[in-house]
């Protein structure tokens, strides 16, 4: 499961071919195709691999 937070909206993507075993760049490429956006639009996004195997793609957190 890939959970994506993009431009204030949330998406849950179930895809057996793209999972937590993929690296961050591969996951971003898949998400960019899914959202129909350019890969560079996800430059400031973080790919967070969770212990249960799911993945969260979200904007970088800015503190302060």
PDB file of N, CA and C in Angstrom:
ATOM      1  N   UNK A   1       0.848  -1.178   0.000  1.00  0.00           N
ATOM      2  CA  UNK A   1       0.000   0.000   0.000  1.00  0.00           C
ATOM      3  C   UNK A   1       0.892   1.238   0.000  1.00  0.00           C
ATOM      4  N   UNK A   2       0.557   2.156  -0.872  1.00  0.00           N
ATOM      5  CA  UNK A   2       1.242   3.447  -0.904  1.00  0.00           C
ATOM      6  C   UNK A   2       0.202   4.511  -0.581  1.00  0.00           C
ATOM      7  N   UNK A   3       0.465   5.272   0.460  1.00  0.00           N
ATOM      8  CA  UNK A   3      -0.407   6.388   0.820  1.00  0.00           C
ATOM      9  C   UNK A   3       0.299   7.657   0.357  1.00  0.00           C
ATOM     10  N   UNK A   4      -0.403   8.481  -0.416  1.00  0.00           N
ATOM     11  CA  UNK A   4       0.179   9.694  -0.979  1.00  0.00           C
ATOM     12  C   UNK A   4      -0.609  10.900  -0.491  1.00  0.00           C
ATOM     13  N   UNK A   5       0.112  11.918  -0.080  1.00  0.00           N
ATOM     14  CA  UNK A   5      -0.493  13.208   0.270  1.00  0.00           C
ATOM     15  C   UNK A   5       0.059  14.202  -0.739  1.00  0.00           C
ATOM     16  N   UNK A   6      -0.815  14.692  -1.638  1.00  0.00           N
ATOM     17  CA  UNK A   6      -0.356  15.586  -2.699  1.00  0.00           C
ATOM     18  C   UNK A   6      -1.348  16.729  -2.860  1.00  0.00           C
ATOM     19  N   UNK A   7      -0.863  17.944  -2.731  1.00  0.00           N
ATOM     20  CA  UNK A   7      -1.665  19.162  -2.885  1.00  0.00           C
ATOM     21  C   UNK A   7      -2.954  19.114  -2.067  1.00  0.00           C
ATOM     22  N   UNK A   8      -2.835  18.698  -0.820  1.00  0.00           N
ATOM     23  CA  UNK A   8      -3.956  18.700   0.101  1.00  0.00           C
ATOM     24  C   UNK A   8      -4.914  17.532  -0.039  1.00  0.00           C
ATOM     25  N   UNK A   9      -4.625  16.610  -0.951  1.00  0.00           N
ATOM     26  CA  UNK A   9      -5.492  15.443  -1.141  1.00  0.00           C
ATOM     27  C   UNK A   9      -4.724  14.186  -0.774  1.00  0.00           C
ATOM     28  N   UNK A  10      -5.460  13.156  -0.377  1.00  0.00           N
ATOM     29  CA  UNK A  10      -4.867  11.870  -0.019  1.00  0.00           C
ATOM     30  C   UNK A  10      -5.281  10.807  -1.021  1.00  0.00           C
ATOM     31  N   UNK A  11      -4.340   9.938  -1.342  1.00  0.00           N
ATOM     32  CA  UNK A  11      -4.585   8.825  -2.259  1.00  0.00           C
ATOM     33  C   UNK A  11      -4.009   7.564  -1.643  1.00  0.00           C
ATOM     34  N   UNK A  12      -4.734   6.480  -1.729  1.00  0.00           N
ATOM     35  CA  UNK A  12      -4.229   5.175  -1.334  1.00  0.00           C
ATOM     36  C   UNK A  12      -4.118   4.333  -2.585  1.00  0.00           C
ATOM     37  N   UNK A  13      -2.924   3.846  -2.852  1.00  0.00           N
ATOM     38  CA  UNK A  13      -2.663   3.086  -4.073  1.00  0.00           C
ATOM     39  C   UNK A  13      -2.293   1.666  -3.685  1.00  0.00           C
ATOM     40  N   UNK A  14      -3.073   0.713  -4.143  1.00  0.00           N
ATOM     41  CA  UNK A  14      -2.763  -0.703  -3.964  1.00  0.00           C
ATOM     42  C   UNK A  14      -2.162  -1.213  -5.254  1.00  0.00           C
ATOM     43  N   UNK A  15      -0.913  -1.590  -5.232  1.00  0.00           N
ATOM     44  CA  UNK A  15      -0.267  -2.131  -6.417  1.00  0.00           C
ATOM     45  C   UNK A  15       0.770  -3.141  -5.966  1.00  0.00           C
ATOM     46  N   UNK A  16       0.620  -4.369  -6.368  1.00  0.00           N
ATOM     47  CA  UNK A  16       1.538  -5.428  -5.945  1.00  0.00           C
ATOM     48  C   UNK A  16       2.939  -5.241  -6.518  1.00  0.00           C
ATOM     49  N   UNK A  17       3.055  -4.550  -7.661  1.00  0.00           N
ATOM     50  CA  UNK A  17       4.354  -4.374  -8.308  1.00  0.00           C
ATOM     51  C   UNK A  17       5.181  -3.250  -7.698  1.00  0.00           C
ATOM     52  N   UNK A  18       4.517  -2.334  -7.025  1.00  0.00           N
ATOM     53  CA  UNK A  18       5.223  -1.224  -6.382  1.00  0.00           C
ATOM     54  C   UNK A  18       4.922  -1.298  -4.901  1.00  0.00           C
ATOM     55  N   UNK A  19       5.926  -1.646  -4.125  1.00  0.00           N
ATOM     56  CA  UNK A  19       5.727  -1.826  -2.694  1.00  0.00           C
ATOM     57  C   UNK A  19       6.932  -1.294  -1.932  1.00  0.00           C
ATOM     58  N   UNK A  20       6.996  -1.568  -0.667  1.00  0.00           N
ATOM     59  CA  UNK A  20       8.052  -1.052   0.191  1.00  0.00           C
ATOM     60  C   UNK A  20       9.448  -1.518  -0.154  1.00  0.00           C
ATOM     61  N   UNK A  21       9.575  -2.517  -1.023  1.00  0.00           N
ATOM     62  CA  UNK A  21      10.907  -2.994  -1.388  1.00  0.00           C
ATOM     63  C   UNK A  21      11.546  -2.125  -2.474  1.00  0.00           C
ATOM     64  N   UNK A  22      10.796  -1.254  -3.078  1.00  0.00           N
ATOM     65  CA  UNK A  22      11.326  -0.346  -4.111  1.00  0.00           C
ATOM     66  C   UNK A  22      12.041   0.830  -3.451  1.00  0.00           C
ATOM     67  N   UNK A  23      12.991   1.415  -4.186  1.00  0.00           N
ATOM     68  CA  UNK A  23      13.679   2.578  -3.621  1.00  0.00           C
ATOM     69  C   UNK A  23      12.835   3.835  -3.825  1.00  0.00           C
ATOM     70  N   UNK A  24      13.233   4.905  -3.176  1.00  0.00           N
ATOM     71  CA  UNK A  24      12.446   6.143  -3.174  1.00  0.00           C
ATOM     72  C   UNK A  24      12.239   6.692  -4.583  1.00  0.00           C
ATOM     73  N   UNK A  25      13.253   6.642  -5.418  1.00  0.00           N
ATOM     74  CA  UNK A  25      13.134   7.188  -6.772  1.00  0.00           C
ATOM     75  C   UNK A  25      12.123   6.396  -7.605  1.00  0.00           C
ATOM     76  N   UNK A  26      12.141   5.081  -7.486  1.00  0.00           N
ATOM     77  CA  UNK A  26      11.181   4.245  -8.221  1.00  0.00           C
ATOM     78  C   UNK A  26       9.748   4.524  -7.761  1.00  0.00           C
ATOM     79  N   UNK A  27       9.584   4.686  -6.469  1.00  0.00           N
ATOM     80  CA  UNK A  27       8.251   4.971  -5.929  1.00  0.00           C
ATOM     81  C   UNK A  27       7.765   6.337  -6.401  1.00  0.00           C
ATOM     82  N   UNK A  28       8.641   7.336  -6.393  1.00  0.00           N
ATOM     83  CA  UNK A  28       8.256   8.665  -6.869  1.00  0.00           C
ATOM     84  C   UNK A  28       7.883   8.621  -8.348  1.00  0.00           C
ATOM     85  N   UNK A  29       8.609   7.856  -9.149  1.00  0.00           N
ATOM     86  CA  UNK A  29       8.279   7.734 -10.572  1.00  0.00           C
ATOM     87  C   UNK A  29       6.887   7.130 -10.749  1.00  0.00           C
ATOM     88  N   UNK A  30       6.592   6.089  -9.983  1.00  0.00           N
ATOM     89  CA  UNK A  30       5.279   5.452 -10.055  1.00  0.00           C
ATOM     90  C   UNK A  30       4.177   6.435  -9.642  1.00  0.00           C
ATOM     91  N   UNK A  31       4.398   7.147  -8.547  1.00  0.00           N
ATOM     92  CA  UNK A  31       3.401   8.096  -8.046  1.00  0.00           C
ATOM     93  C   UNK A  31       3.194   9.230  -9.054  1.00  0.00           C
ATOM     94  N   UNK A  32       4.260   9.725  -9.651  1.00  0.00           N
ATOM     95  CA  UNK A  32       4.135  10.794 -10.651  1.00  0.00           C
ATOM     96  C   UNK A  32       3.273  10.329 -11.828  1.00  0.00           C
ATOM     97  N   UNK A  33       3.477   9.100 -12.283  1.00  0.00           N
ATOM     98  CA  UNK A  33       2.640   8.563 -13.369  1.00  0.00           C
ATOM     99  C   UNK A  33       1.189   8.424 -12.912  1.00  0.00           C
ATOM    100  N   UNK A  34       0.993   7.934 -11.690  1.00  0.00           N
ATOM    101  CA  UNK A  34      -0.355   7.761 -11.152  1.00  0.00           C
ATOM    102  C   UNK A  34      -1.095   9.096 -11.085  1.00  0.00           C
ATOM    103  N   UNK A  35      -0.409  10.141 -10.619  1.00  0.00           N
ATOM    104  CA  UNK A  35      -1.017  11.461 -10.457  1.00  0.00           C
ATOM    105  C   UNK A  35      -1.029  12.263 -11.758  1.00  0.00           C
ATOM    106  N   UNK A  36      -0.325  11.763 -12.761  1.00  0.00           N
ATOM    107  CA  UNK A  36      -0.175  12.452 -14.040  1.00  0.00           C
ATOM    108  C   UNK A  36       0.467  13.825 -13.850  1.00  0.00           C
ATOM    109  N   UNK A  37       1.596  13.814 -13.133  1.00  0.00           N
ATOM    110  CA  UNK A  37       2.386  15.024 -12.909  1.00  0.00           C
ATOM    111  C   UNK A  37       3.829  14.726 -13.298  1.00  0.00           C
ATOM    112  N   UNK A  38       4.633  15.756 -13.391  1.00  0.00           N
ATOM    113  CA  UNK A  38       6.049  15.577 -13.700  1.00  0.00           C
ATOM    114  C   UNK A  38       6.784  15.093 -12.454  1.00  0.00           C
ATOM    115  N   UNK A  39       7.798  14.275 -12.656  1.00  0.00           N
ATOM    116  CA  UNK A  39       8.583  13.755 -11.543  1.00  0.00           C
ATOM    117  C   UNK A  39       9.170  14.889 -10.702  1.00  0.00           C
ATOM    118  N   UNK A  40       9.573  15.977 -11.344  1.00  0.00           N
ATOM    119  CA  UNK A  40      10.162  17.106 -10.601  1.00  0.00           C
ATOM    120  C   UNK A  40       9.168  17.726  -9.618  1.00  0.00           C
ATOM    121  N   UNK A  41       7.861  17.520  -9.840  1.00  0.00           N
ATOM    122  CA  UNK A  41       6.852  18.037  -8.913  1.00  0.00           C
ATOM    123  C   UNK A  41       6.924  17.340  -7.556  1.00  0.00           C
ATOM    124  N   UNK A  42       7.614  16.205  -7.506  1.00  0.00           N
ATOM    125  CA  UNK A  42       7.752  15.457  -6.249  1.00  0.00           C
ATOM    126  C   UNK A  42       9.147  15.605  -5.642  1.00  0.00           C
ATOM    127  N   UNK A  43       9.934  16.561  -6.145  1.00  0.00           N
ATOM    128  CA  UNK A  43      11.300  16.761  -5.632  1.00  0.00           C
ATOM    129  C   UNK A  43      11.344  17.003  -4.130  1.00  0.00           C
ATOM    130  N   UNK A  44      10.407  17.753  -3.610  1.00  0.00           N
ATOM    131  CA  UNK A  44      10.405  18.093  -2.182  1.00  0.00           C
ATOM    132  C   UNK A  44       9.532  17.153  -1.365  1.00  0.00           C
ATOM    133  N   UNK A  45       9.329  15.942  -1.885  1.00  0.00           N
ATOM    134  CA  UNK A  45       8.522  14.940  -1.192  1.00  0.00           C
ATOM    135  C   UNK A  45       9.416  13.877  -0.574  1.00  0.00           C
ATOM    136  N   UNK A  46       8.949  13.336   0.527  1.00  0.00           N
ATOM    137  CA  UNK A  46       9.664  12.309   1.269  1.00  0.00           C
ATOM    138  C   UNK A  46       8.964  10.974   1.052  1.00  0.00           C
ATOM    139  N   UNK A  47       9.749   9.919   0.868  1.00  0.00           N
ATOM    140  CA  UNK A  47       9.204   8.565   0.795  1.00  0.00           C
ATOM    141  C   UNK A  47       9.548   7.888   2.113  1.00  0.00           C
ATOM    142  N   UNK A  48       8.524   7.610   2.899  1.00  0.00           N
ATOM    143  CA  UNK A  48       8.682   7.044   4.242  1.00  0.00           C
ATOM    144  C   UNK A  48       8.283   5.573   4.211  1.00  0.00           C
ATOM    145  N   UNK A  49       9.273   4.683   4.364  1.00  0.00           N
ATOM    146  CA  UNK A  49       9.015   3.242   4.402  1.00  0.00           C
ATOM    147  C   UNK A  49       8.635   2.851   5.825  1.00  0.00           C
ATOM    148  N   UNK A  50       7.427   2.346   6.011  1.00  0.00           N
ATOM    149  CA  UNK A  50       6.924   1.962   7.329  1.00  0.00           C
ATOM    150  C   UNK A  50       7.305   0.516   7.644  1.00  0.00           C
ATOM    151  N   UNK A  51       7.438   0.167   8.928  1.00  0.00           N
ATOM    152  CA  UNK A  51       7.828  -1.196   9.323  1.00  0.00           C
ATOM    153  C   UNK A  51       6.874  -2.285   8.811  1.00  0.00           C
ATOM    154  N   UNK A  52       5.613  -1.939   8.591  1.00  0.00           N
ATOM    155  CA  UNK A  52       4.650  -2.945   8.127  1.00  0.00           C
ATOM    156  C   UNK A  52       4.711  -3.168   6.613  1.00  0.00           C
ATOM    157  N   UNK A  53       5.621  -2.473   5.917  1.00  0.00           N
ATOM    158  CA  UNK A  53       5.780  -2.647   4.480  1.00  0.00           C
ATOM    159  C   UNK A  53       5.071  -1.609   3.640  1.00  0.00           C
ATOM    160  N   UNK A  54       4.217  -0.816   4.253  1.00  0.00           N
ATOM    161  CA  UNK A  54       3.547   0.230   3.486  1.00  0.00           C
ATOM    162  C   UNK A  54       4.483   1.425   3.311  1.00  0.00           C
ATOM    163  N   UNK A  55       4.078   2.324   2.444  1.00  0.00           N
ATOM    164  CA  UNK A  55       4.901   3.483   2.106  1.00  0.00           C
ATOM    165  C   UNK A  55       4.036   4.729   2.176  1.00  0.00           C
ATOM    166  N   UNK A  56       4.600   5.804   2.688  1.00  0.00           N
ATOM    167  CA  UNK A  56       3.919   7.104   2.715  1.00  0.00           C
ATOM    168  C   UNK A  56       4.761   8.069   1.892  1.00  0.00           C
ATOM    169  N   UNK A  57       4.125   8.728   0.930  1.00  0.00           N
ATOM    170  CA  UNK A  57       4.786   9.768   0.135  1.00  0.00           C
ATOM    171  C   UNK A  57       4.119  11.081   0.524  1.00  0.00           C
ATOM    172  N   UNK A  58       4.924  11.996   1.030  1.00  0.00           N
ATOM    173  CA  UNK A  58       4.357  13.235   1.585  1.00  0.00           C
ATOM    174  C   UNK A  58       5.328  14.384   1.380  1.00  0.00           C
ATOM    175  N   UNK A  59       4.828  15.624   1.480  1.00  0.00           N
ATOM    176  CA  UNK A  59       5.740  16.769   1.400  1.00  0.00           C
ATOM    177  C   UNK A  59       6.699  16.763   2.583  1.00  0.00           C
ATOM    178  N   UNK A  60       7.880  17.321   2.359  1.00  0.00           N
ATOM    179  CA  UNK A  60       8.817  17.478   3.460  1.00  0.00           C
ATOM    180  C   UNK A  60       8.195  18.349   4.538  1.00  0.00           C
ATOM    181  N   UNK A  61       8.432  17.999   5.771  1.00  0.00           N
ATOM    182  CA  UNK A  61       7.914  18.809   6.886  1.00  0.00           C
ATOM    183  C   UNK A  61       8.874  19.983   7.104  1.00  0.00           C
ATOM    184  N   UNK A  62       8.315  21.150   7.253  1.00  0.00           N
ATOM    185  CA  UNK A  62       9.109  22.351   7.516  1.00  0.00           C
ATOM    186  C   UNK A  62       8.758  22.828   8.910  1.00  0.00           C
ATOM    187  N   UNK A  63       9.762  22.920   9.757  1.00  0.00           N
ATOM    188  CA  UNK A  63       9.553  23.345  11.135  1.00  0.00           C
ATOM    189  C   UNK A  63      10.191  24.702  11.358  1.00  0.00           C
ATOM    190  N   UNK A  64       9.555  25.490  12.209  1.00  0.00           N
ATOM    191  CA  UNK A  64      10.139  26.741  12.612  1.00  0.00           C
ATOM    192  C   UNK A  64       9.735  27.824  11.788  1.00  0.00           C
TER     193      UNK A  64
END
